[in-house]
Amino acid sequence: MDWQQEVERLYFDEKLSLERIADIIEPYFPDKKHQQRWEKAWGYIRYHPKRKTPTQAINKPIGVIGDLHVPFDHPNYLKFLQDTFKQFNVGRKVFIGDLFDHF
């Protein structure tokens, strides 16, 4: 198995992070640093046909998340967002507000 097959297997089948993958593929690139191996793996995965790309979300609605102001947020707000985004098949999510209050 070459390094690309290994990266593909680890990323898509094992669902490992690129950080972890960079560690695992060290034997393929013993002279490269962790960051360089991460960049190799990302460079391969970035445009892989199996990977969902942002362009697949372009024709879907955008979900907007407003101010949370934790701990003063509504107890059902996150559940409401999940249900609404699922109902409208939201592609991208954008957070536009304050996350915390009084910190």
PDB file of N, CA and C in Angstrom:
ATOM      1  N   MET A   1       0.855  -1.177   0.000  1.00  0.00           N
ATOM      2  CA  MET A   1       0.000   0.000   0.000  1.00  0.00           C
ATOM      3  C   MET A   1       0.901   1.240   0.000  1.00  0.00           C
ATOM      4  N   ASP A   2       0.612   2.191  -0.884  1.00  0.00           N
ATOM      5  CA  ASP A   2       1.406   3.422  -0.906  1.00  0.00           C
ATOM      6  C   ASP A   2       0.810   4.442   0.068  1.00  0.00           C
ATOM      7  N   TRP A   3       1.503   5.549   0.240  1.00  0.00           N
ATOM      8  CA  TRP A   3       1.088   6.530   1.238  1.00  0.00           C
ATOM      9  C   TRP A   3      -0.280   7.131   0.922  1.00  0.00           C
ATOM     10  N   GLN A   4      -0.608   7.291  -0.355  1.00  0.00           N
ATOM     11  CA  GLN A   4      -1.903   7.880  -0.719  1.00  0.00           C
ATOM     12  C   GLN A   4      -3.045   6.950  -0.370  1.00  0.00           C
ATOM     13  N   GLN A   5      -2.883   5.675  -0.618  1.00  0.00           N
ATOM     14  CA  GLN A   5      -3.913   4.708  -0.233  1.00  0.00           C
ATOM     15  C   GLN A   5      -4.083   4.677   1.280  1.00  0.00           C
ATOM     16  N   GLU A   6      -2.960   4.776   1.982  1.00  0.00           N
ATOM     17  CA  GLU A   6      -3.010   4.777   3.449  1.00  0.00           C
ATOM     18  C   GLU A   6      -3.736   6.017   3.961  1.00  0.00           C
ATOM     19  N   VAL A   7      -3.425   7.172   3.408  1.00  0.00           N
ATOM     20  CA  VAL A   7      -4.107   8.413   3.813  1.00  0.00           C
ATOM     21  C   VAL A   7      -5.602   8.307   3.520  1.00  0.00           C
ATOM     22  N   GLU A   8      -5.936   7.808   2.356  1.00  0.00           N
ATOM     23  CA  GLU A   8      -7.345   7.659   1.978  1.00  0.00           C
ATOM     24  C   GLU A   8      -8.071   6.722   2.946  1.00  0.00           C
ATOM     25  N   ARG A   9      -7.452   5.607   3.262  1.00  0.00           N
ATOM     26  CA  ARG A   9      -8.062   4.647   4.185  1.00  0.00           C
ATOM     27  C   ARG A   9      -8.258   5.256   5.575  1.00  0.00           C
ATOM     28  N   LEU A  10      -7.221   5.918   6.063  1.00  0.00           N
ATOM     29  CA  LEU A  10      -7.284   6.503   7.402  1.00  0.00           C
ATOM     30  C   LEU A  10      -8.307   7.629   7.488  1.00  0.00           C
ATOM     31  N   TYR A  11      -8.401   8.426   6.440  1.00  0.00           N
ATOM     32  CA  TYR A  11      -9.292   9.588   6.460  1.00  0.00           C
ATOM     33  C   TYR A  11     -10.758   9.193   6.235  1.00  0.00           C
ATOM     34  N   PHE A  12     -11.008   8.397   5.210  1.00  0.00           N
ATOM     35  CA  PHE A  12     -12.387   8.083   4.854  1.00  0.00           C
ATOM     36  C   PHE A  12     -12.951   6.877   5.593  1.00  0.00           C
ATOM     37  N   ASP A  13     -12.131   5.854   5.817  1.00  0.00           N
ATOM     38  CA  ASP A  13     -12.630   4.643   6.472  1.00  0.00           C
ATOM     39  C   ASP A  13     -12.494   4.713   7.985  1.00  0.00           C
ATOM     40  N   GLU A  14     -11.312   5.110   8.441  1.00  0.00           N
ATOM     41  CA  GLU A  14     -11.069   5.166   9.881  1.00  0.00           C
ATOM     42  C   GLU A  14     -11.539   6.474  10.512  1.00  0.00           C
ATOM     43  N   LYS A  15     -11.805   7.483   9.688  1.00  0.00           N
ATOM     44  CA  LYS A  15     -12.278   8.801  10.138  1.00  0.00           C
ATOM     45  C   LYS A  15     -11.300   9.478  11.099  1.00  0.00           C
ATOM     46  N   LEU A  16     -10.005   9.312  10.817  1.00  0.00           N
ATOM     47  CA  LEU A  16      -8.993   9.936  11.663  1.00  0.00           C
ATOM     48  C   LEU A  16      -8.733  11.371  11.215  1.00  0.00           C
ATOM     49  N   SER A  17      -8.270  12.176  12.151  1.00  0.00           N
ATOM     50  CA  SER A  17      -7.923  13.563  11.841  1.00  0.00           C
ATOM     51  C   SER A  17      -6.618  13.603  11.054  1.00  0.00           C
ATOM     52  N   LEU A  18      -6.404  14.709  10.360  1.00  0.00           N
ATOM     53  CA  LEU A  18      -5.151  14.878   9.623  1.00  0.00           C
ATOM     54  C   LEU A  18      -3.956  14.939  10.576  1.00  0.00           C
ATOM     55  N   GLU A  19      -4.177  15.431  11.781  1.00  0.00           N
ATOM     56  CA  GLU A  19      -3.103  15.463  12.785  1.00  0.00           C
ATOM     57  C   GLU A  19      -2.630  14.043  13.085  1.00  0.00           C
ATOM     58  N   ARG A  20      -3.582  13.165  13.288  1.00  0.00           N
ATOM     59  CA  ARG A  20      -3.242  11.768  13.599  1.00  0.00           C
ATOM     60  C   ARG A  20      -2.639  11.073  12.370  1.00  0.00           C
ATOM     61  N   ILE A  21      -3.212  11.342  11.210  1.00  0.00           N
ATOM     62  CA  ILE A  21      -2.712  10.743   9.976  1.00  0.00           C
ATOM     63  C   ILE A  21      -1.253  11.143   9.728  1.00  0.00           C
ATOM     64  N   ALA A  22      -0.936  12.403  10.005  1.00  0.00           N
ATOM     65  CA  ALA A  22       0.442  12.870   9.819  1.00  0.00           C
ATOM     66  C   ALA A  22       1.419  12.065  10.664  1.00  0.00           C
ATOM     67  N   ASP A  23       0.974  11.642  11.850  1.00  0.00           N
ATOM     68  CA  ASP A  23       1.824  10.803  12.700  1.00  0.00           C
ATOM     69  C   ASP A  23       1.969   9.400  12.110  1.00  0.00           C
ATOM     70  N   ILE A  24       0.873   8.850  11.636  1.00  0.00           N
ATOM     71  CA  ILE A  24       0.859   7.469  11.148  1.00  0.00           C
ATOM     72  C   ILE A  24       1.676   7.293   9.865  1.00  0.00           C
ATOM     73  N   ILE A  25       1.679   8.316   9.015  1.00  0.00           N
ATOM     74  CA  ILE A  25       2.400   8.170   7.737  1.00  0.00           C
ATOM     75  C   ILE A  25       3.887   8.537   7.841  1.00  0.00           C
ATOM     76  N   GLU A  26       4.376   8.698   9.033  1.00  0.00           N
ATOM     77  CA  GLU A  26       5.791   9.027   9.217  1.00  0.00           C
ATOM     78  C   GLU A  26       6.733   8.031   8.528  1.00  0.00           C
ATOM     79  N   PRO A  27       6.475   6.726   8.575  1.00  0.00           N
ATOM     80  CA  PRO A  27       7.384   5.795   7.892  1.00  0.00           C
ATOM     81  C   PRO A  27       7.504   6.037   6.384  1.00  0.00           C
ATOM     82  N   TYR A  28       6.495   6.611   5.777  1.00  0.00           N
ATOM     83  CA  TYR A  28       6.561   6.918   4.351  1.00  0.00           C
ATOM     84  C   TYR A  28       7.440   8.146   4.072  1.00  0.00           C
ATOM     85  N   PHE A  29       7.539   9.020   5.072  1.00  0.00           N
ATOM     86  CA  PHE A  29       8.299  10.272   4.928  1.00  0.00           C
ATOM     87  C   PHE A  29       9.177  10.493   6.157  1.00  0.00           C
ATOM     88  N   PRO A  30      10.179   9.658   6.378  1.00  0.00           N
ATOM     89  CA  PRO A  30      10.977   9.776   7.598  1.00  0.00           C
ATOM     90  C   PRO A  30      11.773  11.074   7.689  1.00  0.00           C
ATOM     91  N   ASP A  31      12.013  11.705   6.555  1.00  0.00           N
ATOM     92  CA  ASP A  31      12.806  12.938   6.553  1.00  0.00           C
ATOM     93  C   ASP A  31      11.947  14.188   6.680  1.00  0.00           C
ATOM     94  N   LYS A  32      10.613  14.029   6.750  1.00  0.00           N
ATOM     95  CA  LYS A  32       9.701  15.183   6.821  1.00  0.00           C
ATOM     96  C   LYS A  32       9.242  15.423   8.251  1.00  0.00           C
ATOM     97  N   LYS A  33       9.010  16.676   8.560  1.00  0.00           N
ATOM     98  CA  LYS A  33       8.473  17.040   9.868  1.00  0.00           C
ATOM     99  C   LYS A  33       6.966  16.802   9.878  1.00  0.00           C
ATOM    100  N   HIS A  34       6.388  16.828  11.067  1.00  0.00           N
ATOM    101  CA  HIS A  34       4.948  16.590  11.233  1.00  0.00           C
ATOM    102  C   HIS A  34       4.122  17.514  10.336  1.00  0.00           C
ATOM    103  N   GLN A  35       4.418  18.787  10.342  1.00  0.00           N
ATOM    104  CA  GLN A  35       3.665  19.759   9.548  1.00  0.00           C
ATOM    105  C   GLN A  35       3.751  19.446   8.056  1.00  0.00           C
ATOM    106  N   GLN A  36       4.906  19.026   7.613  1.00  0.00           N
ATOM    107  CA  GLN A  36       5.078  18.680   6.198  1.00  0.00           C
ATOM    108  C   GLN A  36       4.269  17.441   5.823  1.00  0.00           C
ATOM    109  N   ARG A  37       4.213  16.470   6.734  1.00  0.00           N
ATOM    110  CA  ARG A  37       3.392  15.273   6.481  1.00  0.00           C
ATOM    111  C   ARG A  37       1.910  15.632   6.486  1.00  0.00           C
ATOM    112  N   TRP A  38       1.515  16.519   7.392  1.00  0.00           N
ATOM    113  CA  TRP A  38       0.125  17.001   7.440  1.00  0.00           C
ATOM    114  C   TRP A  38      -0.234  17.660   6.106  1.00  0.00           C
ATOM    115  N   GLU A  39       0.657  18.506   5.606  1.00  0.00           N
ATOM    116  CA  GLU A  39       0.411  19.189   4.337  1.00  0.00           C
ATOM    117  C   GLU A  39       0.333  18.207   3.173  1.00  0.00           C
ATOM    118  N   LYS A  40       1.147  17.159   3.183  1.00  0.00           N
ATOM    119  CA  LYS A  40       1.086  16.110   2.156  1.00  0.00           C
ATOM    120  C   LYS A  40      -0.290  15.442   2.186  1.00  0.00           C
ATOM    121  N   ALA A  41      -0.718  15.055   3.382  1.00  0.00           N
ATOM    122  CA  ALA A  41      -2.011  14.372   3.526  1.00  0.00           C
ATOM    123  C   ALA A  41      -3.152  15.295   3.101  1.00  0.00           C
ATOM    124  N   TRP A  42      -3.119  16.536   3.549  1.00  0.00           N
ATOM    125  CA  TRP A  42      -4.167  17.500   3.188  1.00  0.00           C
ATOM    126  C   TRP A  42      -4.168  17.766   1.695  1.00  0.00           C
ATOM    127  N   GLY A  43      -3.007  17.874   1.110  1.00  0.00           N
ATOM    128  CA  GLY A  43      -2.909  18.095  -0.330  1.00  0.00           C
ATOM    129  C   GLY A  43      -3.551  16.970  -1.128  1.00  0.00           C
ATOM    130  N   TYR A  44      -3.447  15.749  -0.614  1.00  0.00           N
ATOM    131  CA  TYR A  44      -4.059  14.613  -1.302  1.00  0.00           C
ATOM    132  C   TYR A  44      -5.570  14.565  -1.063  1.00  0.00           C
ATOM    133  N   ILE A  45      -5.991  14.773   0.166  1.00  0.00           N
ATOM    134  CA  ILE A  45      -7.413  14.667   0.539  1.00  0.00           C
ATOM    135  C   ILE A  45      -8.229  15.855   0.058  1.00  0.00           C
ATOM    136  N   ARG A  46      -7.613  17.018   0.001  1.00  0.00           N
ATOM    137  CA  ARG A  46      -8.330  18.271  -0.266  1.00  0.00           C
ATOM    138  C   ARG A  46      -9.265  18.210  -1.469  1.00  0.00           C
ATOM    139  N   TYR A  47      -8.825  17.668  -2.568  1.00  0.00           N
ATOM    140  CA  TYR A  47      -9.644  17.617  -3.779  1.00  0.00           C
ATOM    141  C   TYR A  47     -10.069  16.193  -4.143  1.00  0.00           C
ATOM    142  N   HIS A  48     -10.020  15.310  -3.177  1.00  0.00           N
ATOM    143  CA  HIS A  48     -10.395  13.922  -3.423  1.00  0.00           C
ATOM    144  C   HIS A  48     -11.895  13.840  -3.732  1.00  0.00           C
ATOM    145  N   PRO A  49     -12.298  13.034  -4.707  1.00  0.00           N
ATOM    146  CA  PRO A  49     -13.709  12.951  -5.083  1.00  0.00           C
ATOM    147  C   PRO A  49     -14.634  12.478  -3.957  1.00  0.00           C
ATOM    148  N   LYS A  50     -14.101  11.719  -3.009  1.00  0.00           N
ATOM    149  CA  LYS A  50     -14.941  11.248  -1.895  1.00  0.00           C
ATOM    150  C   LYS A  50     -15.219  12.349  -0.868  1.00  0.00           C
ATOM    151  N   ARG A  51     -14.404  13.376  -0.865  1.00  0.00           N
ATOM    152  CA  ARG A  51     -14.536  14.433   0.135  1.00  0.00           C
ATOM    153  C   ARG A  51     -15.634  15.406  -0.263  1.00  0.00           C
ATOM    154  N   LYS A  52     -16.482  15.728   0.699  1.00  0.00           N
ATOM    155  CA  LYS A  52     -17.504  16.737   0.458  1.00  0.00           C
ATOM    156  C   LYS A  52     -16.824  18.096   0.407  1.00  0.00           C
ATOM    157  N   THR A  53     -17.043  18.808  -0.640  1.00  0.00           N
ATOM    158  CA  THR A  53     -16.425  20.120  -0.782  1.00  0.00           C
ATOM    159  C   THR A  53     -17.446  21.215  -0.512  1.00  0.00           C
ATOM    160  N   PRO A  54     -16.979  22.404  -0.182  1.00  0.00           N
ATOM    161  CA  PRO A  54     -17.896  23.510   0.056  1.00  0.00           C
ATOM    162  C   PRO A  54     -18.810  23.796  -1.137  1.00  0.00           C
ATOM    163  N   THR A  55     -18.369  23.475  -2.344  1.00  0.00           N
ATOM    164  CA  THR A  55     -19.208  23.758  -3.510  1.00  0.00           C
ATOM    165  C   THR A  55     -20.475  22.919  -3.509  1.00  0.00           C
ATOM    166  N   GLN A  56     -20.466  21.777  -2.817  1.00  0.00           N
ATOM    167  CA  GLN A  56     -21.659  20.954  -2.743  1.00  0.00           C
ATOM    168  C   GLN A  56     -22.733  21.609  -1.884  1.00  0.00           C
ATOM    169  N   ALA A  57     -22.363  22.595  -1.088  1.00  0.00           N
ATOM    170  CA  ALA A  57     -23.319  23.272  -0.230  1.00  0.00           C
ATOM    171  C   ALA A  57     -23.818  24.582  -0.841  1.00  0.00           C
ATOM    172  N   ILE A  58     -23.316  24.950  -2.001  1.00  0.00           N
ATOM    173  CA  ILE A  58     -23.662  26.244  -2.593  1.00  0.00           C
ATOM    174  C   ILE A  58     -25.137  26.368  -2.917  1.00  0.00           C
ATOM    175  N   ASN A  59     -25.748  25.318  -3.422  1.00  0.00           N
ATOM    176  CA  ASN A  59     -27.149  25.386  -3.825  1.00  0.00           C
ATOM    177  C   ASN A  59     -28.110  25.064  -2.689  1.00  0.00           C
ATOM    178  N   LYS A  60     -27.609  25.039  -1.482  1.00  0.00           N
ATOM    179  CA  LYS A  60     -28.450  24.782  -0.321  1.00  0.00           C
ATOM    180  C   LYS A  60     -28.595  26.075   0.490  1.00  0.00           C
ATOM    181  N   PRO A  61     -29.641  26.151   1.307  1.00  0.00           N
ATOM    182  CA  PRO A  61     -29.803  27.336   2.164  1.00  0.00           C
ATOM    183  C   PRO A  61     -28.642  27.475   3.156  1.00  0.00           C
ATOM    184  N   ILE A  62     -28.416  28.695   3.580  1.00  0.00           N
ATOM    185  CA  ILE A  62     -27.398  28.989   4.587  1.00  0.00           C
ATOM    186  C   ILE A  62     -28.100  29.158   5.921  1.00  0.00           C
ATOM    187  N   GLY A  63     -27.643  28.439   6.923  1.00  0.00           N
ATOM    188  CA  GLY A  63     -28.203  28.556   8.269  1.00  0.00           C
ATOM    189  C   GLY A  63     -27.444  29.601   9.061  1.00  0.00           C
ATOM    190  N   VAL A  64     -28.172  30.534   9.641  1.00  0.00           N
ATOM    191  CA  VAL A  64     -27.549  31.625  10.397  1.00  0.00           C
ATOM    192  C   VAL A  64     -27.821  31.415  11.883  1.00  0.00           C
ATOM    193  N   ILE A  65     -26.747  31.452  12.657  1.00  0.00           N
ATOM    194  CA  ILE A  65     -26.847  31.299  14.103  1.00  0.00           C
ATOM    195  C   ILE A  65     -26.558  32.652  14.722  1.00  0.00           C
ATOM    196  N   GLY A  66     -27.522  33.165  15.447  1.00  0.00           N
ATOM    197  CA  GLY A  66     -27.378  34.483  16.067  1.00  0.00           C
ATOM    198  C   GLY A  66     -26.691  34.413  17.417  1.00  0.00           C
ATOM    199  N   ASP A  67     -26.782  35.490  18.164  1.00  0.00           N
ATOM    200  CA  ASP A  67     -26.149  35.581  19.479  1.00  0.00           C
ATOM    201  C   ASP A  67     -26.647  34.481  20.410  1.00  0.00           C
ATOM    202  N   LEU A  68     -25.721  33.805  21.073  1.00  0.00           N
ATOM    203  CA  LEU A  68     -26.097  32.816  22.082  1.00  0.00           C
ATOM    204  C   LEU A  68     -26.129  33.440  23.467  1.00  0.00           C
ATOM    205  N   HIS A  69     -25.137  34.241  23.781  1.00  0.00           N
ATOM    206  CA  HIS A  69     -25.006  34.889  25.091  1.00  0.00           C
ATOM    207  C   HIS A  69     -25.082  33.883  26.239  1.00  0.00           C
ATOM    208  N   VAL A  70     -24.331  32.790  26.103  1.00  0.00           N
ATOM    209  CA  VAL A  70     -24.241  31.797  27.163  1.00  0.00           C
ATOM    210  C   VAL A  70     -23.719  32.481  28.420  1.00  0.00           C
ATOM    211  N   PRO A  71     -24.263  32.330  29.582  1.00  0.00           N
ATOM    212  CA  PRO A  71     -25.244  31.334  30.022  1.00  0.00           C
ATOM    213  C   PRO A  71     -26.703  31.816  29.961  1.00  0.00           C
ATOM    214  N   PHE A  72     -26.966  32.889  29.246  1.00  0.00           N
ATOM    215  CA  PHE A  72     -28.324  33.426  29.209  1.00  0.00           C
ATOM    216  C   PHE A  72     -29.108  32.970  27.983  1.00  0.00           C
ATOM    217  N   ASP A  73     -28.604  31.962  27.281  1.00  0.00           N
ATOM    218  CA  ASP A  73     -29.262  31.477  26.070  1.00  0.00           C
ATOM    219  C   ASP A  73     -30.536  30.702  26.415  1.00  0.00           C
ATOM    220  N   HIS A  74     -31.426  30.608  25.458  1.00  0.00           N
ATOM    221  CA  HIS A  74     -32.656  29.843  25.634  1.00  0.00           C
ATOM    222  C   HIS A  74     -32.299  28.364  25.716  1.00  0.00           C
ATOM    223  N   PRO A  75     -32.861  27.617  26.640  1.00  0.00           N
ATOM    224  CA  PRO A  75     -32.475  26.220  26.811  1.00  0.00           C
ATOM    225  C   PRO A  75     -32.732  25.339  25.577  1.00  0.00           C
ATOM    226  N   ASN A  76     -33.633  25.738  24.714  1.00  0.00           N
ATOM    227  CA  ASN A  76     -33.966  24.927  23.542  1.00  0.00           C
ATOM    228  C   ASN A  76     -33.393  25.483  22.237  1.00  0.00           C
ATOM    229  N   TYR A  77     -32.541  26.492  22.327  1.00  0.00           N
ATOM    230  CA  TYR A  77     -32.071  27.167  21.116  1.00  0.00           C
ATOM    231  C   TYR A  77     -31.267  26.240  20.199  1.00  0.00           C
ATOM    232  N   LEU A  78     -30.335  25.483  20.757  1.00  0.00           N
ATOM    233  CA  LEU A  78     -29.510  24.615  19.929  1.00  0.00           C
ATOM    234  C   LEU A  78     -30.344  23.501  19.285  1.00  0.00           C
ATOM    235  N   LYS A  79     -31.288  22.962  20.016  1.00  0.00           N
ATOM    236  CA  LYS A  79     -32.179  21.939  19.457  1.00  0.00           C
ATOM    237  C   LYS A  79     -33.028  22.540  18.339  1.00  0.00           C
ATOM    238  N   PHE A  80     -33.498  23.762  18.548  1.00  0.00           N
ATOM    239  CA  PHE A  80     -34.264  24.465  17.515  1.00  0.00           C
ATOM    240  C   PHE A  80     -33.429  24.639  16.249  1.00  0.00           C
ATOM    241  N   LEU A  81     -32.162  25.034  16.406  1.00  0.00           N
ATOM    242  CA  LEU A  81     -31.275  25.196  15.253  1.00  0.00           C
ATOM    243  C   LEU A  81     -31.080  23.877  14.521  1.00  0.00           C
ATOM    244  N   GLN A  82     -30.819  22.825  15.257  1.00  0.00           N
ATOM    245  CA  GLN A  82     -30.623  21.512  14.638  1.00  0.00           C
ATOM    246  C   GLN A  82     -31.857  21.096  13.844  1.00  0.00           C
ATOM    247  N   ASP A  83     -33.019  21.214  14.446  1.00  0.00           N
ATOM    248  CA  ASP A  83     -34.261  20.816  13.780  1.00  0.00           C
ATOM    249  C   ASP A  83     -34.531  21.670  12.547  1.00  0.00           C
ATOM    250  N   THR A  84     -34.336  22.971  12.677  1.00  0.00           N
ATOM    251  CA  THR A  84     -34.595  23.889  11.563  1.00  0.00           C
ATOM    252  C   THR A  84     -33.627  23.647  10.421  1.00  0.00           C
ATOM    253  N   PHE A  85     -32.348  23.485  10.729  1.00  0.00           N
ATOM    254  CA  PHE A  85     -31.353  23.254   9.688  1.00  0.00           C
ATOM    255  C   PHE A  85     -31.613  21.931   8.969  1.00  0.00           C
ATOM    256  N   LYS A  86     -32.038  20.930   9.725  1.00  0.00           N
ATOM    257  CA  LYS A  86     -32.366  19.642   9.108  1.00  0.00           C
ATOM    258  C   LYS A  86     -33.611  19.774   8.222  1.00  0.00           C
ATOM    259  N   GLN A  87     -34.621  20.470   8.712  1.00  0.00           N
ATOM    260  CA  GLN A  87     -35.873  20.654   7.973  1.00  0.00           C
ATOM    261  C   GLN A  87     -35.648  21.343   6.636  1.00  0.00           C
ATOM    262  N   PHE A  88     -34.766  22.337   6.617  1.00  0.00           N
ATOM    263  CA  PHE A  88     -34.519  23.114   5.405  1.00  0.00           C
ATOM    264  C   PHE A  88     -33.270  22.670   4.640  1.00  0.00           C
ATOM    265  N   ASN A  89     -32.697  21.533   5.040  1.00  0.00           N
ATOM    266  CA  ASN A  89     -31.535  20.965   4.353  1.00  0.00           C
ATOM    267  C   ASN A  89     -30.417  22.003   4.186  1.00  0.00           C
ATOM    268  N   VAL A  90     -30.066  22.632   5.285  1.00  0.00           N
ATOM    269  CA  VAL A  90     -29.057  23.689   5.289  1.00  0.00           C
ATOM    270  C   VAL A  90     -27.692  23.123   4.924  1.00  0.00           C
ATOM    271  N   GLY A  91     -26.989  23.830   4.052  1.00  0.00           N
ATOM    272  CA  GLY A  91     -25.650  23.419   3.642  1.00  0.00           C
ATOM    273  C   GLY A  91     -24.586  24.008   4.532  1.00  0.00           C
ATOM    274  N   ARG A  92     -24.475  25.314   4.522  1.00  0.00           N
ATOM    275  CA  ARG A  92     -23.466  26.006   5.332  1.00  0.00           C
ATOM    276  C   ARG A  92     -24.122  26.627   6.545  1.00  0.00           C
ATOM    277  N   LYS A  93     -23.337  26.719   7.611  1.00  0.00           N
ATOM    278  CA  LYS A  93     -23.796  27.377   8.827  1.00  0.00           C
ATOM    279  C   LYS A  93     -22.880  28.551   9.110  1.00  0.00           C
ATOM    280  N   VAL A  94     -23.476  29.687   9.447  1.00  0.00           N
ATOM    281  CA  VAL A  94     -22.706  30.899   9.717  1.00  0.00           C
ATOM    282  C   VAL A  94     -23.088  31.398  11.100  1.00  0.00           C
ATOM    283  N   PHE A  95     -22.079  31.611  11.933  1.00  0.00           N
ATOM    284  CA  PHE A  95     -22.316  32.147  13.277  1.00  0.00           C
ATOM    285  C   PHE A  95     -22.012  33.628  13.252  1.00  0.00           C
ATOM    286  N   ILE A  96     -23.003  34.466  13.614  1.00  0.00           N
ATOM    287  CA  ILE A  96     -22.839  35.907  13.467  1.00  0.00           C
ATOM    288  C   ILE A  96     -22.869  36.686  14.778  1.00  0.00           C
ATOM    289  N   GLY A  97     -22.858  35.991  15.893  1.00  0.00           N
ATOM    290  CA  GLY A  97     -23.061  36.748  17.116  1.00  0.00           C
ATOM    291  C   GLY A  97     -22.122  36.411  18.250  1.00  0.00           C
ATOM    292  N   ASP A  98     -22.507  36.906  19.406  1.00  0.00           N
ATOM    293  CA  ASP A  98     -21.719  36.688  20.632  1.00  0.00           C
ATOM    294  C   ASP A  98     -21.989  35.291  21.153  1.00  0.00           C
ATOM    295  N   LEU A  99     -20.926  34.631  21.569  1.00  0.00           N
ATOM    296  CA  LEU A  99     -21.071  33.291  22.115  1.00  0.00           C
ATOM    297  C   LEU A  99     -21.328  33.344  23.626  1.00  0.00           C
ATOM    298  N   PHE A 100     -20.542  34.142  24.334  1.00  0.00           N
ATOM    299  CA  PHE A 100     -20.662  34.218  25.781  1.00  0.00           C
ATOM    300  C   PHE A 100     -21.061  35.610  26.222  1.00  0.00           C
ATOM    301  N   ASP A 101     -21.588  35.677  27.428  1.00  0.00           N
ATOM    302  CA  ASP A 101     -21.952  36.961  28.010  1.00  0.00           C
ATOM    303  C   ASP A 101     -21.420  37.006  29.435  1.00  0.00           C
ATOM    304  N   HIS A 102     -20.916  38.153  29.862  1.00  0.00           N
ATOM    305  CA  HIS A 102     -20.410  38.391  31.228  1.00  0.00           C
ATOM    306  C   HIS A 102     -19.204  37.525  31.572  1.00  0.00           C
ATOM    307  N   PHE A 103     -18.287  37.347  30.624  1.00  0.00           N
ATOM    308  CA  PHE A 103     -17.061  36.594  30.913  1.00  0.00           C
ATOM    309  C   PHE A 103     -15.887  37.509  30.853  1.00  0.00           C
TER     310      PHE A 103
END
